């Protein structure tokens, strides 16, 4: 997509959401109590669903055409394999962790790429399906009874309704989120959710917000589990739409970073893990207030740094190695073709050489 065709509203949303992902992951290093716990539960009730919903909306054009399948392999499967290896090596050799089931059980935070791969493959099935959202809800509820950790299928199916809602959205439907009334309702929803999040442990423990555990592991009856999952799905959808209603629609430097969300997502885990291996978690226990402020500010700064043009250009080769190779080959072939045309027109003695040709 060209820069002219980009929607600054969606780019603002994408960059804000990936920044919230970094913030949420950084908050896991804080003491699980007080304000940090309240903020964490409030955030995780809606921001991952919102990320998935926006991903679904941007996946609407996916099909089983060979070029789209190759793009899926190149931009999702290959980075998953590359960064699953890199993150595993980092956690083992830097953090001294012991990891098992490489690739089959995606390691934090690679689960999202594994899920995205399967969601994209399901797109041509659910996009035209009239009852796609109810079917996805039934699958999500049922997944809590049997889905396991292999390829994070529990999360793939548990979060599926948000992806399908995104598939069913259209520009015309999302346009209804514009204006003062939707924004006011959105603020009211988040205020209510803020108060509700104080009672997360009384209503449903934080583990529910990850959509990865079996109901039997959460020590509740199946009927209670179904009601809880349905309530969380409803909160997630409304929270996603409320977030979009509050996202600015203007372009600018922040919106321009919206194209770097994959770089931010894949690289931030190394910084968060390095912080985990440091003395920061211990310091945070003794200084909860300053630690919360430092973790939040540091996460925002890290997101902006990773999305900055210099870092993005450098990291793109690692995030999309095949795409970078294709681009270099295409440029090389193009330069050769231009050189041949010039040589034919003016003769080899007058044809420009070296950098002059590359700078044409």
Protein backbone atom coordinates (compact mmCIF):
# COMPACT_ATOMS: atom_id res chain seq x y z
CA UNK A 1 0.00 0.00 0.00
CA UNK A 2 1.39 3.39 -0.84
CA UNK A 3 1.85 6.04 1.76
CA UNK A 4 -0.87 8.12 0.05
CA UNK A 5 -3.39 5.32 0.47
CA UNK A 6 -2.69 4.76 4.17
CA UNK A 7 -5.42 5.65 6.65
CA UNK A 8 -3.93 7.77 9.47
CA UNK A 9 -6.74 6.66 11.78
CA UNK A 10 -5.75 3.00 11.46
CA UNK A 11 -2.06 3.84 11.65
CA UNK A 12 -2.66 5.80 14.86
CA UNK A 13 -4.64 2.84 16.22
CA UNK A 14 -1.97 0.31 15.28
CA UNK A 15 0.87 2.32 16.79
CA UNK A 16 -1.11 3.03 19.96
CA UNK A 17 -2.03 -0.65 20.35
CA UNK A 18 1.49 -1.98 19.86
CA UNK A 19 2.72 0.62 22.37
CA UNK A 20 0.12 -0.68 24.83
CA UNK A 21 1.40 -4.21 24.18
CA UNK A 22 4.91 -3.10 25.15
CA UNK A 23 3.55 -1.32 28.22
CA UNK A 24 1.54 -4.37 29.28
CA UNK A 25 4.52 -6.69 28.90
CA UNK A 26 6.69 -4.30 30.90
CA UNK A 27 4.10 -4.14 33.67
CA UNK A 28 4.51 -7.90 34.19
CA UNK A 29 7.84 -7.06 35.87
CA UNK A 30 6.06 -5.03 38.56
CA UNK A 31 4.66 -6.35 41.86
CA UNK A 32 1.29 -8.01 41.28
CA UNK A 33 -0.56 -5.73 43.67
CA UNK A 34 -2.02 -2.30 44.12
CA UNK A 35 -2.27 0.19 41.28
CA UNK A 36 -0.07 -1.78 38.88
CA UNK A 37 -2.33 -4.82 39.18
CA UNK A 38 -5.45 -2.70 38.69
CA UNK A 39 -3.97 -1.06 35.60
CA UNK A 40 -2.87 -4.40 34.20
CA UNK A 41 -6.30 -6.02 34.53
CA UNK A 42 -7.99 -2.94 33.07
CA UNK A 43 -5.66 -2.92 30.07
CA UNK A 44 -5.79 -6.63 29.31
CA UNK A 45 -9.59 -6.68 29.34
CA UNK A 46 -9.65 -4.86 25.99
CA UNK A 47 -6.32 -4.03 24.37
CA UNK A 48 -5.41 -7.50 23.02
CA UNK A 49 -8.98 -7.91 21.68
CA UNK A 50 -8.62 -4.51 20.03
CA UNK A 51 -5.30 -5.54 18.47
CA UNK A 52 -6.91 -8.70 17.09
CA UNK A 53 -9.98 -6.84 15.82
CA UNK A 54 -7.85 -4.32 13.92
CA UNK A 55 -5.77 -7.20 12.55
CA UNK A 56 -8.97 -8.83 11.29
CA UNK A 57 -10.11 -5.61 9.64
CA UNK A 58 -6.79 -5.28 7.82
CA UNK A 59 -6.95 -8.95 6.74
CA UNK A 60 -10.25 -8.68 4.85
CA UNK A 61 -8.63 -8.85 1.42
CA UNK A 62 -6.70 -12.06 2.12
CA UNK A 63 -7.44 -14.93 -0.27
CA UNK A 64 -5.94 -18.24 -1.28
CA UNK A 65 -4.34 -16.69 -4.35
CA UNK A 66 -0.72 -17.87 -4.72
CA UNK A 67 0.71 -14.37 -4.28
CA UNK A 68 -1.24 -13.83 -1.05
CA UNK A 69 -0.23 -17.22 0.33
CA UNK A 70 3.41 -16.43 -0.46
CA UNK A 71 3.02 -13.07 1.27
CA UNK A 72 1.64 -14.87 4.33
CA UNK A 73 4.61 -17.21 4.40
CA UNK A 74 7.09 -14.40 3.84
CA UNK A 75 5.69 -11.86 6.31
CA UNK A 76 4.33 -14.13 9.07
CA UNK A 77 5.71 -17.67 8.95
CA UNK A 78 9.34 -16.78 8.16
CA UNK A 79 9.57 -14.06 10.87
CA UNK A 80 7.99 -16.54 13.30
CA UNK A 81 10.69 -19.13 12.63
CA UNK A 82 13.49 -16.53 12.71
CA UNK A 83 12.40 -14.81 15.91
CA UNK A 84 11.33 -18.00 17.66
CA UNK A 85 14.95 -19.11 17.24
CA UNK A 86 16.43 -15.75 18.22
CA UNK A 87 14.21 -15.32 21.27
CA UNK A 88 14.86 -18.89 22.39
CA UNK A 89 18.63 -18.43 22.09
CA UNK A 90 18.38 -15.17 24.02
CA UNK A 91 16.31 -16.70 26.82
CA UNK A 92 18.58 -19.75 27.13
CA UNK A 93 22.00 -18.12 26.84
CA UNK A 94 21.29 -14.71 28.38
CA UNK A 95 18.54 -15.54 30.83
CA UNK A 96 19.53 -19.09 31.69
CA UNK A 97 16.01 -20.37 31.02
CA UNK A 98 15.14 -23.88 29.90
CA UNK A 99 12.77 -24.06 26.98
CA UNK A 100 10.93 -27.00 25.44
CA UNK A 101 8.78 -27.66 22.37
CA UNK A 102 10.47 -25.13 20.12
CA UNK A 103 8.11 -24.03 17.27
CA UNK A 104 5.28 -26.35 18.41
CA UNK A 105 4.62 -24.28 21.54
CA UNK A 106 5.31 -20.63 20.63
CA UNK A 107 7.43 -18.89 23.21
CA UNK A 108 6.59 -15.43 24.50
CA UNK A 109 5.83 -13.20 22.67
CA UNK A 110 5.81 -15.18 19.41
CA UNK A 111 2.33 -16.62 19.97
CA UNK A 112 0.74 -13.74 18.08
CA UNK A 113 2.49 -14.60 14.83
CA UNK A 114 1.41 -18.23 15.12
CA UNK A 115 -2.16 -17.11 15.77
CA UNK A 116 -2.07 -14.58 12.93
CA UNK A 117 -0.95 -17.29 10.50
CA UNK A 118 -4.02 -19.42 11.25
CA UNK A 119 -6.43 -16.49 11.43
CA UNK A 120 -5.37 -15.35 7.97
CA UNK A 121 -5.92 -18.87 6.62
CA UNK A 122 -9.44 -18.80 8.10
CA UNK A 123 -10.26 -15.43 6.54
CA UNK A 124 -11.77 -16.71 3.26
CA UNK A 125 -13.94 -19.05 5.32
CA UNK A 126 -15.35 -16.55 7.83
CA UNK A 127 -15.46 -13.37 5.75
CA UNK A 128 -18.41 -14.47 3.56
CA UNK A 129 -20.06 -16.57 6.27
CA UNK A 130 -23.35 -14.83 7.27
CA UNK A 131 -23.24 -16.19 10.82
CA UNK A 132 -19.49 -15.86 11.11
CA UNK A 133 -19.44 -14.02 14.43
CA UNK A 134 -21.85 -16.40 16.28
CA UNK A 135 -19.93 -19.40 14.91
CA UNK A 136 -16.65 -17.88 16.11
CA UNK A 137 -18.18 -17.25 19.55
CA UNK A 138 -19.29 -20.89 19.82
CA UNK A 139 -15.81 -22.04 18.82
CA UNK A 140 -14.21 -19.72 21.37
CA UNK A 141 -16.44 -20.96 24.19
CA UNK A 142 -15.91 -24.60 23.23
CA UNK A 143 -12.13 -24.12 22.98
CA UNK A 144 -11.94 -23.69 26.74
CA UNK A 145 -13.06 -27.29 27.14
CA UNK A 146 -10.40 -29.02 25.05
CA UNK A 147 -7.92 -26.70 23.28
CA UNK A 148 -4.29 -27.14 24.29
CA UNK A 149 -0.94 -25.40 24.03
CA UNK A 150 0.23 -26.87 20.71
CA UNK A 151 0.76 -23.91 18.36
CA UNK A 152 -1.21 -21.93 20.94
CA UNK A 153 -4.46 -23.24 19.49
CA UNK A 154 -6.30 -22.21 22.68
CA UNK A 155 -5.54 -18.55 21.98
CA UNK A 156 -6.12 -18.92 18.24
CA UNK A 157 -9.65 -20.16 18.87
CA UNK A 158 -10.30 -18.20 22.06
CA UNK A 159 -9.60 -14.84 20.43
CA UNK A 160 -11.15 -15.81 17.09
CA UNK A 161 -14.39 -13.80 17.62
CA UNK A 162 -12.44 -10.52 17.72
CA UNK A 163 -10.70 -11.35 14.46
CA UNK A 164 -14.01 -12.25 12.80
CA UNK A 165 -15.65 -9.05 14.06
CA UNK A 166 -12.78 -7.20 12.38
CA UNK A 167 -13.42 -9.13 9.15
CA UNK A 168 -17.08 -8.12 9.27
CA UNK A 169 -16.29 -4.45 9.79
CA UNK A 170 -16.40 -2.14 6.77
CA UNK A 171 -15.25 1.46 6.39
CA UNK A 172 -18.91 2.49 6.46
CA UNK A 173 -19.56 0.65 9.73
CA UNK A 174 -16.44 2.03 11.37
CA UNK A 175 -17.46 5.52 10.26
CA UNK A 176 -20.25 5.30 12.85
CA UNK A 177 -17.56 5.59 15.52
CA UNK A 178 -16.83 9.16 14.43
CA UNK A 179 -18.27 12.06 16.39
CA UNK A 180 -18.87 13.37 19.89
CA UNK A 181 -21.55 10.87 20.91
CA UNK A 182 -19.47 7.70 20.26
CA UNK A 183 -16.48 9.34 21.95
CA UNK A 184 -18.55 10.23 25.02
CA UNK A 185 -19.95 6.71 25.25
CA UNK A 186 -16.42 5.34 24.88
CA UNK A 187 -15.17 7.41 27.80
CA UNK A 188 -18.13 6.27 29.87
CA UNK A 189 -17.37 2.64 29.06
CA UNK A 190 -13.72 2.93 30.08
CA UNK A 191 -14.65 4.68 33.32
CA UNK A 192 -17.06 1.84 34.14
CA UNK A 193 -14.46 -0.76 33.17
CA UNK A 194 -11.88 0.95 35.38
CA UNK A 195 -14.12 0.45 38.40
CA UNK A 196 -15.02 -3.09 37.33
CA UNK A 197 -11.35 -4.02 37.02
CA UNK A 198 -10.95 -3.51 40.76
CA UNK A 199 -12.96 -6.69 41.25
CA UNK A 200 -11.23 -8.83 38.62
CA UNK A 201 -10.14 -11.48 41.10
CA UNK A 202 -13.64 -11.71 42.57
CA UNK A 203 -15.26 -12.11 39.14
CA UNK A 204 -12.59 -13.89 37.07
CA UNK A 205 -8.88 -14.16 37.78
CA UNK A 206 -6.42 -12.44 35.47
CA UNK A 207 -5.58 -15.72 33.69
CA UNK A 208 -8.98 -15.51 31.97
CA UNK A 209 -7.80 -12.44 30.07
CA UNK A 210 -5.17 -14.48 28.19
CA UNK A 211 -7.70 -16.86 26.57
CA UNK A 212 -5.20 -19.71 26.88
CA UNK A 213 -6.20 -21.87 29.85
CA UNK A 214 -8.66 -24.75 29.94
CA UNK A 215 -11.70 -24.21 32.12
CA UNK A 216 -10.61 -27.18 34.24
CA UNK A 217 -7.36 -25.36 35.04
CA UNK A 218 -9.29 -22.34 36.31
CA UNK A 219 -11.19 -24.34 38.91
CA UNK A 220 -14.72 -23.30 37.89
CA UNK A 221 -17.75 -25.17 36.67
CA UNK A 222 -18.36 -25.39 32.94
CA UNK A 223 -21.50 -23.27 33.21
CA UNK A 224 -19.66 -20.54 35.13
CA UNK A 225 -16.83 -20.76 32.60
CA UNK A 226 -19.15 -20.27 29.63
CA UNK A 227 -20.76 -17.20 31.22
CA UNK A 228 -17.36 -15.76 32.08
CA UNK A 229 -15.99 -16.28 28.57
CA UNK A 230 -19.10 -14.71 27.01
CA UNK A 231 -18.86 -11.67 29.29
CA UNK A 232 -15.18 -11.21 28.49
CA UNK A 233 -15.88 -11.46 24.76
CA UNK A 234 -18.55 -8.77 25.06
CA UNK A 235 -16.26 -6.51 27.10
CA UNK A 236 -13.45 -7.06 24.59
CA UNK A 237 -15.59 -6.12 21.57
CA UNK A 238 -17.09 -3.03 23.22
CA UNK A 239 -13.66 -2.01 24.52
CA UNK A 240 -12.16 -2.38 21.06
CA UNK A 241 -14.82 -0.18 19.48
CA UNK A 242 -14.55 2.34 22.33
CA UNK A 243 -10.81 2.56 21.77
CA UNK A 244 -11.28 3.15 18.04
CA UNK A 245 -13.84 5.86 18.78
CA UNK A 246 -11.19 7.75 20.74
CA UNK A 247 -8.28 7.32 18.31
CA UNK A 248 -7.38 10.57 16.50
CA UNK A 249 -7.97 10.54 12.76
CA UNK A 250 -5.30 13.10 11.92
CA UNK A 251 -1.99 12.17 10.36
CA UNK A 252 1.41 13.12 11.72
CA UNK A 253 4.64 11.66 13.04
CA UNK A 254 2.83 9.14 15.26
CA UNK A 255 0.63 7.89 12.42
CA UNK A 256 3.67 7.49 10.19
CA UNK A 257 5.03 5.00 12.71
CA UNK A 258 1.96 2.80 12.20
CA UNK A 259 3.74 0.88 9.47
CA UNK A 260 6.43 -0.28 11.92
CA UNK A 261 4.25 -2.22 14.34
CA UNK A 262 5.68 -5.62 13.43
CA UNK A 263 9.21 -4.37 14.09
CA UNK A 264 8.13 -3.00 17.47
CA UNK A 265 6.35 -6.21 18.38
CA UNK A 266 9.15 -8.57 17.42
CA UNK A 267 12.03 -6.59 18.91
CA UNK A 268 10.58 -5.27 22.15
CA UNK A 269 10.61 -8.71 23.77
CA UNK A 270 14.40 -8.73 23.93
CA UNK A 271 14.44 -5.46 25.88
CA UNK A 272 11.68 -6.59 28.24
CA UNK A 273 13.41 -9.92 28.86
CA UNK A 274 16.74 -8.18 29.47
CA UNK A 275 15.01 -5.98 32.04
CA UNK A 276 13.55 -9.08 33.66
CA UNK A 277 17.02 -10.61 33.99
CA UNK A 278 18.31 -7.42 35.63
CA UNK A 279 17.78 -6.16 39.16
CA UNK A 280 14.74 -4.12 38.13
CA UNK A 281 12.04 -6.56 39.38
CA UNK A 282 13.65 -6.62 42.82
CA UNK A 283 13.96 -2.85 42.89
CA UNK A 284 10.31 -2.55 41.81
CA UNK A 285 9.18 -4.51 44.88
CA UNK A 286 10.72 -1.87 47.16
CA UNK A 287 9.73 1.11 45.00
CA UNK A 288 6.34 0.29 43.44
CA UNK A 289 5.35 3.86 42.55
CA UNK A 290 8.59 4.95 40.84
CA UNK A 291 8.86 1.52 39.20
CA UNK A 292 5.42 1.87 37.64
CA UNK A 293 6.27 5.31 36.29
CA UNK A 294 9.68 4.18 35.02
CA UNK A 295 8.31 1.01 33.40
CA UNK A 296 5.52 2.92 31.63
CA UNK A 297 7.75 5.75 30.41
CA UNK A 298 10.45 3.30 29.35
CA UNK A 299 7.95 1.17 27.41
CA UNK A 300 6.64 4.20 25.52
CA UNK A 301 10.17 5.37 24.73
CA UNK A 302 11.14 1.87 23.56
CA UNK A 303 8.13 1.69 21.23
CA UNK A 304 8.90 5.06 19.67
CA UNK A 305 12.57 4.17 19.29
CA UNK A 306 11.86 0.85 17.55
CA UNK A 307 9.33 2.53 15.24
CA UNK A 308 11.67 5.40 14.35
CA UNK A 309 12.73 5.48 10.69
CA UNK A 310 16.43 4.61 11.22
CA UNK A 311 15.68 1.59 13.42
CA UNK A 312 12.78 0.52 11.23
CA UNK A 313 14.90 0.59 8.07
CA UNK A 314 17.65 -1.43 9.73
CA UNK A 315 15.33 -3.95 11.41
CA UNK A 316 13.18 -4.51 8.32
CA UNK A 317 15.91 -6.69 6.83
CA UNK A 318 15.69 -8.98 9.86
CA UNK A 319 11.91 -8.92 10.19
CA UNK A 320 11.31 -9.58 6.48
CA UNK A 321 14.52 -11.18 5.17
CA UNK A 322 12.95 -12.67 2.06
CA UNK A 323 11.20 -9.43 1.17
CA UNK A 324 14.45 -7.52 1.57
CA UNK A 325 16.26 -10.03 -0.63
CA UNK A 326 13.54 -9.77 -3.29
CA UNK A 327 13.78 -5.98 -3.21
CA UNK A 328 17.56 -6.05 -3.62
CA UNK A 329 17.32 -8.48 -6.52
CA UNK A 330 14.62 -6.38 -8.17
CA UNK A 331 16.69 -3.22 -7.76
CA UNK A 332 19.77 -4.97 -9.12
CA UNK A 333 17.85 -6.21 -12.15
CA UNK A 334 16.38 -2.75 -12.68
CA UNK A 335 19.79 -1.09 -12.52
CA UNK A 336 21.18 -3.60 -15.00
CA UNK A 337 18.29 -2.97 -17.38
CA UNK A 338 18.78 0.81 -17.16
CA UNK A 339 22.50 0.40 -17.80
CA UNK A 340 21.82 -1.69 -20.87
CA UNK A 341 19.34 0.87 -22.21
CA UNK A 342 21.81 3.73 -21.69
CA UNK A 343 24.62 1.78 -23.31
CA UNK A 344 22.45 1.09 -26.32
CA UNK A 345 21.52 4.78 -26.61
CA UNK A 346 24.88 6.54 -26.02
CA UNK A 347 27.44 3.78 -26.31
CA UNK A 348 29.53 2.07 -23.60
CA UNK A 349 32.14 4.85 -23.45
CA UNK A 350 29.59 7.49 -22.40
CA UNK A 351 27.43 5.34 -20.13
CA UNK A 352 27.62 6.43 -16.42
CA UNK A 353 29.36 4.06 -14.05
CA UNK A 354 29.13 3.02 -10.40
CA UNK A 355 27.29 5.26 -7.96
CA UNK A 356 26.14 7.64 -10.63
CA UNK A 357 24.09 4.88 -12.22
CA UNK A 358 22.71 3.70 -8.88
CA UNK A 359 21.68 7.25 -8.05
CA UNK A 360 19.67 7.64 -11.26
